[in-house]
Amino acid sequence: MTATIPSHKSKIEPDDLQRIFNHLVEWVLTDTRSESSTLRIAIHPGYQQIIGLGESAVPLLLREVEHRTGRWFWALKAITRQDPVLPNDRGKTEKMTETWIKWGQQQGYKW
């Protein structure tokens, strides 16, 4: 499965961004369903394309983290260049999710 992503020079309309993002998420989740390695998930071509969407994908990623899965922490860190999770909370998906959601709200993201 592949997705056609507009050139980095073209502006992605919100409806297109949502469609592209959803397609990429399903591709990643389908292909990595039984994968436990964060690294192998993060190097999946679809995951890399999500990171390539840049800051416009942050609210969509936060929504995914909040509602479905914590597989997106790596992407959030790559895009935002931040990691609000305390060292003692690493590996604790519920705590990491709470921290990223709180961070997103403090940054003014809406999803």
N, C-alpha and C. Protein backbone atom coordinates (compact mmCIF):
# COMPACT_ATOMS: atom_id res chain seq x y z
N MET A 1 0.85 -1.17 0.00
CA MET A 1 0.00 0.00 0.00
C MET A 1 0.89 1.23 0.00
N THR A 2 0.60 2.18 -0.84
CA THR A 2 1.35 3.43 -0.85
C THR A 2 0.38 4.58 -0.87
N ALA A 3 0.87 5.73 -0.51
CA ALA A 3 0.04 6.94 -0.52
C ALA A 3 0.74 7.98 -1.35
N THR A 4 -0.02 8.75 -2.07
CA THR A 4 0.54 9.83 -2.84
C THR A 4 0.50 11.08 -1.99
N ILE A 5 1.66 11.58 -1.67
CA ILE A 5 1.78 12.78 -0.85
C ILE A 5 2.16 13.93 -1.78
N PRO A 6 1.43 15.05 -1.70
CA PRO A 6 1.80 16.19 -2.54
C PRO A 6 3.23 16.62 -2.27
N SER A 7 3.82 17.23 -3.25
CA SER A 7 5.18 17.74 -3.12
C SER A 7 5.28 18.66 -1.91
N HIS A 8 6.46 18.70 -1.29
CA HIS A 8 6.66 19.56 -0.13
C HIS A 8 6.47 21.03 -0.48
N LYS A 9 6.49 21.34 -1.76
CA LYS A 9 6.31 22.73 -2.18
C LYS A 9 4.85 23.11 -2.34
N SER A 10 3.97 22.10 -2.36
CA SER A 10 2.55 22.41 -2.52
C SER A 10 1.87 22.42 -1.17
N LYS A 11 0.86 23.26 -1.05
CA LYS A 11 0.11 23.37 0.20
C LYS A 11 -0.93 22.27 0.24
N ILE A 12 -1.00 21.58 1.37
CA ILE A 12 -1.99 20.52 1.53
C ILE A 12 -3.22 21.12 2.19
N GLU A 13 -4.35 20.97 1.54
CA GLU A 13 -5.60 21.47 2.08
C GLU A 13 -6.01 20.61 3.28
N PRO A 14 -6.74 21.19 4.24
CA PRO A 14 -7.11 20.43 5.45
C PRO A 14 -7.82 19.09 5.16
N ASP A 15 -8.75 19.08 4.22
CA ASP A 15 -9.45 17.83 3.90
C ASP A 15 -8.49 16.80 3.31
N ASP A 16 -7.56 17.27 2.47
CA ASP A 16 -6.57 16.37 1.89
C ASP A 16 -5.62 15.86 2.97
N LEU A 17 -5.23 16.74 3.89
CA LEU A 17 -4.34 16.34 4.97
C LEU A 17 -4.99 15.23 5.80
N GLN A 18 -6.24 15.40 6.15
CA GLN A 18 -6.96 14.40 6.93
C GLN A 18 -7.02 13.07 6.18
N ARG A 19 -7.34 13.12 4.90
CA ARG A 19 -7.45 11.92 4.08
C ARG A 19 -6.09 11.21 3.98
N ILE A 20 -5.05 11.98 3.69
CA ILE A 20 -3.71 11.42 3.56
C ILE A 20 -3.26 10.83 4.89
N PHE A 21 -3.46 11.57 5.96
CA PHE A 21 -3.07 11.12 7.28
C PHE A 21 -3.77 9.81 7.64
N ASN A 22 -5.08 9.76 7.46
CA ASN A 22 -5.85 8.56 7.78
C ASN A 22 -5.34 7.35 6.99
N HIS A 23 -5.06 7.57 5.72
CA HIS A 23 -4.55 6.50 4.86
C HIS A 23 -3.21 5.99 5.38
N LEU A 24 -2.33 6.91 5.72
CA LEU A 24 -1.01 6.53 6.22
C LEU A 24 -1.10 5.80 7.56
N VAL A 25 -1.97 6.29 8.45
CA VAL A 25 -2.14 5.63 9.75
C VAL A 25 -2.61 4.19 9.55
N GLU A 26 -3.60 3.98 8.71
CA GLU A 26 -4.10 2.63 8.49
C GLU A 26 -3.03 1.74 7.88
N TRP A 27 -2.24 2.28 6.97
CA TRP A 27 -1.14 1.54 6.35
C TRP A 27 -0.14 1.09 7.43
N VAL A 28 0.27 2.04 8.27
CA VAL A 28 1.23 1.73 9.33
C VAL A 28 0.65 0.71 10.30
N LEU A 29 -0.56 0.94 10.77
CA LEU A 29 -1.16 0.04 11.75
C LEU A 29 -1.37 -1.36 11.18
N THR A 30 -1.76 -1.45 9.92
CA THR A 30 -1.95 -2.75 9.28
C THR A 30 -0.62 -3.50 9.17
N ASP A 31 0.39 -2.81 8.68
CA ASP A 31 1.68 -3.45 8.45
C ASP A 31 2.46 -3.75 9.74
N THR A 32 2.16 -3.03 10.81
CA THR A 32 2.96 -3.20 12.04
C THR A 32 2.12 -3.75 13.19
N ARG A 33 0.98 -4.29 12.88
CA ARG A 33 0.03 -4.77 13.90
C ARG A 33 0.71 -5.67 14.94
N SER A 34 1.57 -6.58 14.50
CA SER A 34 2.19 -7.51 15.44
C SER A 34 3.63 -7.12 15.80
N GLU A 35 4.03 -5.92 15.41
CA GLU A 35 5.40 -5.46 15.66
C GLU A 35 5.50 -4.82 17.04
N SER A 36 6.50 -5.21 17.80
CA SER A 36 6.70 -4.62 19.12
C SER A 36 7.88 -3.63 19.14
N SER A 37 8.70 -3.65 18.11
CA SER A 37 9.86 -2.78 18.06
C SER A 37 9.47 -1.37 17.61
N THR A 38 9.68 -0.40 18.49
CA THR A 38 9.38 0.99 18.14
C THR A 38 10.22 1.43 16.95
N LEU A 39 11.47 1.00 16.91
CA LEU A 39 12.34 1.38 15.80
C LEU A 39 11.80 0.85 14.47
N ARG A 40 11.40 -0.41 14.43
CA ARG A 40 10.87 -0.97 13.18
C ARG A 40 9.58 -0.28 12.75
N ILE A 41 8.78 0.11 13.72
CA ILE A 41 7.55 0.84 13.39
C ILE A 41 7.92 2.21 12.84
N ALA A 42 8.85 2.89 13.49
CA ALA A 42 9.21 4.26 13.10
C ALA A 42 9.89 4.33 11.74
N ILE A 43 10.52 3.24 11.28
CA ILE A 43 11.16 3.30 9.97
C ILE A 43 10.24 2.82 8.85
N HIS A 44 9.02 2.46 9.20
CA HIS A 44 8.03 2.08 8.18
C HIS A 44 7.84 3.27 7.24
N PRO A 45 7.76 3.04 5.94
CA PRO A 45 7.62 4.17 4.99
C PRO A 45 6.41 5.07 5.28
N GLY A 46 5.31 4.49 5.69
CA GLY A 46 4.12 5.30 6.01
C GLY A 46 4.35 6.17 7.23
N TYR A 47 5.03 5.63 8.22
CA TYR A 47 5.34 6.38 9.44
C TYR A 47 6.24 7.56 9.08
N GLN A 48 7.22 7.29 8.24
CA GLN A 48 8.12 8.36 7.81
C GLN A 48 7.38 9.44 7.02
N GLN A 49 6.40 9.04 6.23
CA GLN A 49 5.61 10.03 5.49
C GLN A 49 4.76 10.87 6.43
N ILE A 50 4.29 10.26 7.52
CA ILE A 50 3.53 11.04 8.52
C ILE A 50 4.45 12.09 9.13
N ILE A 51 5.65 11.69 9.50
CA ILE A 51 6.61 12.66 10.03
C ILE A 51 6.86 13.76 9.00
N GLY A 52 6.93 13.37 7.74
CA GLY A 52 7.15 14.33 6.66
C GLY A 52 6.03 15.35 6.49
N LEU A 53 4.86 15.05 7.01
CA LEU A 53 3.76 16.02 6.94
C LEU A 53 4.04 17.24 7.82
N GLY A 54 4.94 17.07 8.78
CA GLY A 54 5.36 18.20 9.61
C GLY A 54 4.34 18.61 10.65
N GLU A 55 4.46 19.85 11.07
CA GLU A 55 3.67 20.36 12.19
C GLU A 55 2.16 20.26 11.96
N SER A 56 1.73 20.29 10.72
CA SER A 56 0.29 20.19 10.47
C SER A 56 -0.26 18.83 10.91
N ALA A 57 0.60 17.85 11.07
CA ALA A 57 0.15 16.52 11.52
C ALA A 57 0.07 16.40 13.03
N VAL A 58 0.62 17.35 13.77
CA VAL A 58 0.67 17.24 15.24
C VAL A 58 -0.72 17.07 15.85
N PRO A 59 -1.71 17.92 15.52
CA PRO A 59 -3.03 17.71 16.14
C PRO A 59 -3.64 16.35 15.77
N LEU A 60 -3.38 15.89 14.57
CA LEU A 60 -3.90 14.60 14.14
C LEU A 60 -3.22 13.47 14.91
N LEU A 61 -1.93 13.61 15.14
CA LEU A 61 -1.20 12.62 15.93
C LEU A 61 -1.68 12.62 17.38
N LEU A 62 -1.90 13.79 17.93
CA LEU A 62 -2.39 13.88 19.31
C LEU A 62 -3.76 13.20 19.44
N ARG A 63 -4.59 13.37 18.44
CA ARG A 63 -5.90 12.70 18.44
C ARG A 63 -5.71 11.19 18.40
N GLU A 64 -4.80 10.71 17.57
CA GLU A 64 -4.52 9.27 17.50
C GLU A 64 -4.01 8.74 18.83
N VAL A 65 -3.11 9.49 19.46
CA VAL A 65 -2.56 9.08 20.76
C VAL A 65 -3.68 9.03 21.79
N GLU A 66 -4.53 10.01 21.77
CA GLU A 66 -5.61 10.09 22.76
C GLU A 66 -6.65 8.98 22.58
N HIS A 67 -6.95 8.62 21.34
CA HIS A 67 -8.07 7.72 21.09
C HIS A 67 -7.69 6.29 20.73
N ARG A 68 -6.48 6.08 20.21
CA ARG A 68 -6.20 4.74 19.71
C ARG A 68 -4.92 4.10 20.20
N THR A 69 -3.82 4.74 19.99
CA THR A 69 -2.57 4.04 20.24
C THR A 69 -1.43 5.00 20.55
N GLY A 70 -0.48 4.53 21.32
CA GLY A 70 0.69 5.31 21.66
C GLY A 70 1.84 5.13 20.68
N ARG A 71 1.58 4.53 19.55
CA ARG A 71 2.64 4.30 18.57
C ARG A 71 3.16 5.58 17.93
N TRP A 72 2.62 6.70 18.29
CA TRP A 72 2.96 7.94 17.60
C TRP A 72 3.87 8.86 18.40
N PHE A 73 4.35 8.42 19.55
CA PHE A 73 5.23 9.26 20.37
C PHE A 73 6.51 9.64 19.61
N TRP A 74 7.08 8.69 18.91
CA TRP A 74 8.31 8.94 18.14
C TRP A 74 8.06 10.05 17.11
N ALA A 75 6.94 9.96 16.41
CA ALA A 75 6.61 10.97 15.40
C ALA A 75 6.42 12.34 16.04
N LEU A 76 5.73 12.38 17.16
CA LEU A 76 5.54 13.66 17.85
C LEU A 76 6.88 14.27 18.24
N LYS A 77 7.78 13.45 18.76
CA LYS A 77 9.10 13.96 19.14
C LYS A 77 9.88 14.43 17.91
N ALA A 78 9.79 13.68 16.83
CA ALA A 78 10.53 14.05 15.61
C ALA A 78 10.03 15.36 15.02
N ILE A 79 8.73 15.55 15.00
CA ILE A 79 8.16 16.75 14.40
C ILE A 79 8.34 17.97 15.30
N THR A 80 8.05 17.81 16.59
CA THR A 80 8.06 18.97 17.50
C THR A 80 9.45 19.27 18.07
N ARG A 81 10.34 18.28 17.98
CA ARG A 81 11.68 18.39 18.58
C ARG A 81 11.58 18.61 20.09
N GLN A 82 10.54 18.05 20.67
CA GLN A 82 10.35 18.13 22.12
C GLN A 82 9.97 16.75 22.64
N ASP A 83 10.19 16.56 23.92
CA ASP A 83 9.77 15.34 24.59
C ASP A 83 9.38 15.69 26.02
N PRO A 84 8.09 15.94 26.24
CA PRO A 84 7.64 16.35 27.57
C PRO A 84 7.57 15.20 28.58
N VAL A 85 7.80 13.97 28.15
CA VAL A 85 7.69 12.81 29.03
C VAL A 85 8.90 12.74 29.97
N LEU A 86 8.62 12.62 31.25
CA LEU A 86 9.68 12.50 32.25
C LEU A 86 10.38 11.15 32.11
N PRO A 87 11.67 11.09 32.39
CA PRO A 87 12.41 9.82 32.25
C PRO A 87 11.76 8.65 32.99
N ASN A 88 11.22 8.87 34.17
CA ASN A 88 10.59 7.79 34.94
C ASN A 88 9.29 7.29 34.31
N ASP A 89 8.72 8.08 33.37
CA ASP A 89 7.45 7.71 32.74
C ASP A 89 7.65 7.03 31.39
N ARG A 90 8.87 6.96 30.90
CA ARG A 90 9.12 6.33 29.60
C ARG A 90 8.72 4.85 29.67
N GLY A 91 8.03 4.41 28.64
CA GLY A 91 7.58 3.04 28.60
C GLY A 91 6.22 2.81 29.25
N LYS A 92 5.69 3.83 29.89
CA LYS A 92 4.37 3.74 30.52
C LYS A 92 3.38 4.47 29.60
N THR A 93 2.77 3.70 28.71
CA THR A 93 1.94 4.29 27.65
C THR A 93 0.87 5.22 28.17
N GLU A 94 0.18 4.83 29.22
CA GLU A 94 -0.90 5.67 29.75
C GLU A 94 -0.35 7.02 30.23
N LYS A 95 0.74 6.99 30.96
CA LYS A 95 1.35 8.21 31.47
C LYS A 95 1.91 9.06 30.33
N MET A 96 2.53 8.41 29.35
CA MET A 96 3.08 9.14 28.20
C MET A 96 1.94 9.81 27.41
N THR A 97 0.83 9.10 27.27
CA THR A 97 -0.32 9.66 26.57
C THR A 97 -0.84 10.90 27.30
N GLU A 98 -1.03 10.78 28.61
CA GLU A 98 -1.49 11.93 29.41
C GLU A 98 -0.56 13.12 29.25
N THR A 99 0.74 12.85 29.29
CA THR A 99 1.73 13.93 29.20
C THR A 99 1.68 14.61 27.84
N TRP A 100 1.61 13.83 26.76
CA TRP A 100 1.56 14.44 25.43
C TRP A 100 0.25 15.21 25.21
N ILE A 101 -0.85 14.68 25.71
CA ILE A 101 -2.14 15.39 25.57
C ILE A 101 -2.08 16.72 26.31
N LYS A 102 -1.58 16.69 27.53
CA LYS A 102 -1.45 17.93 28.30
C LYS A 102 -0.51 18.90 27.58
N TRP A 103 0.60 18.41 27.07
CA TRP A 103 1.55 19.25 26.33
C TRP A 103 0.85 19.89 25.12
N GLY A 104 0.09 19.08 24.37
CA GLY A 104 -0.61 19.60 23.19
C GLY A 104 -1.59 20.70 23.53
N GLN A 105 -2.31 20.51 24.63
CA GLN A 105 -3.27 21.53 25.07
C GLN A 105 -2.54 22.81 25.47
N GLN A 106 -1.42 22.65 26.18
CA GLN A 106 -0.64 23.83 26.61
C GLN A 106 -0.06 24.57 25.41
N GLN A 107 0.22 23.85 24.34
CA GLN A 107 0.77 24.48 23.13
C GLN A 107 -0.32 25.09 22.25
N GLY A 108 -1.57 24.87 22.60
CA GLY A 108 -2.69 25.45 21.85
C GLY A 108 -3.18 24.60 20.69
N TYR A 109 -2.74 23.35 20.62
CA TYR A 109 -3.23 22.50 19.55
C TYR A 109 -4.66 22.09 19.85
N LYS A 110 -5.45 22.00 18.78
CA LYS A 110 -6.84 21.57 18.89
C LYS A 110 -7.03 20.38 17.97
N TRP A 111 -7.72 19.38 18.49
CA TRP A 111 -7.95 18.18 17.67
C TRP A 111 -9.32 17.63 17.93
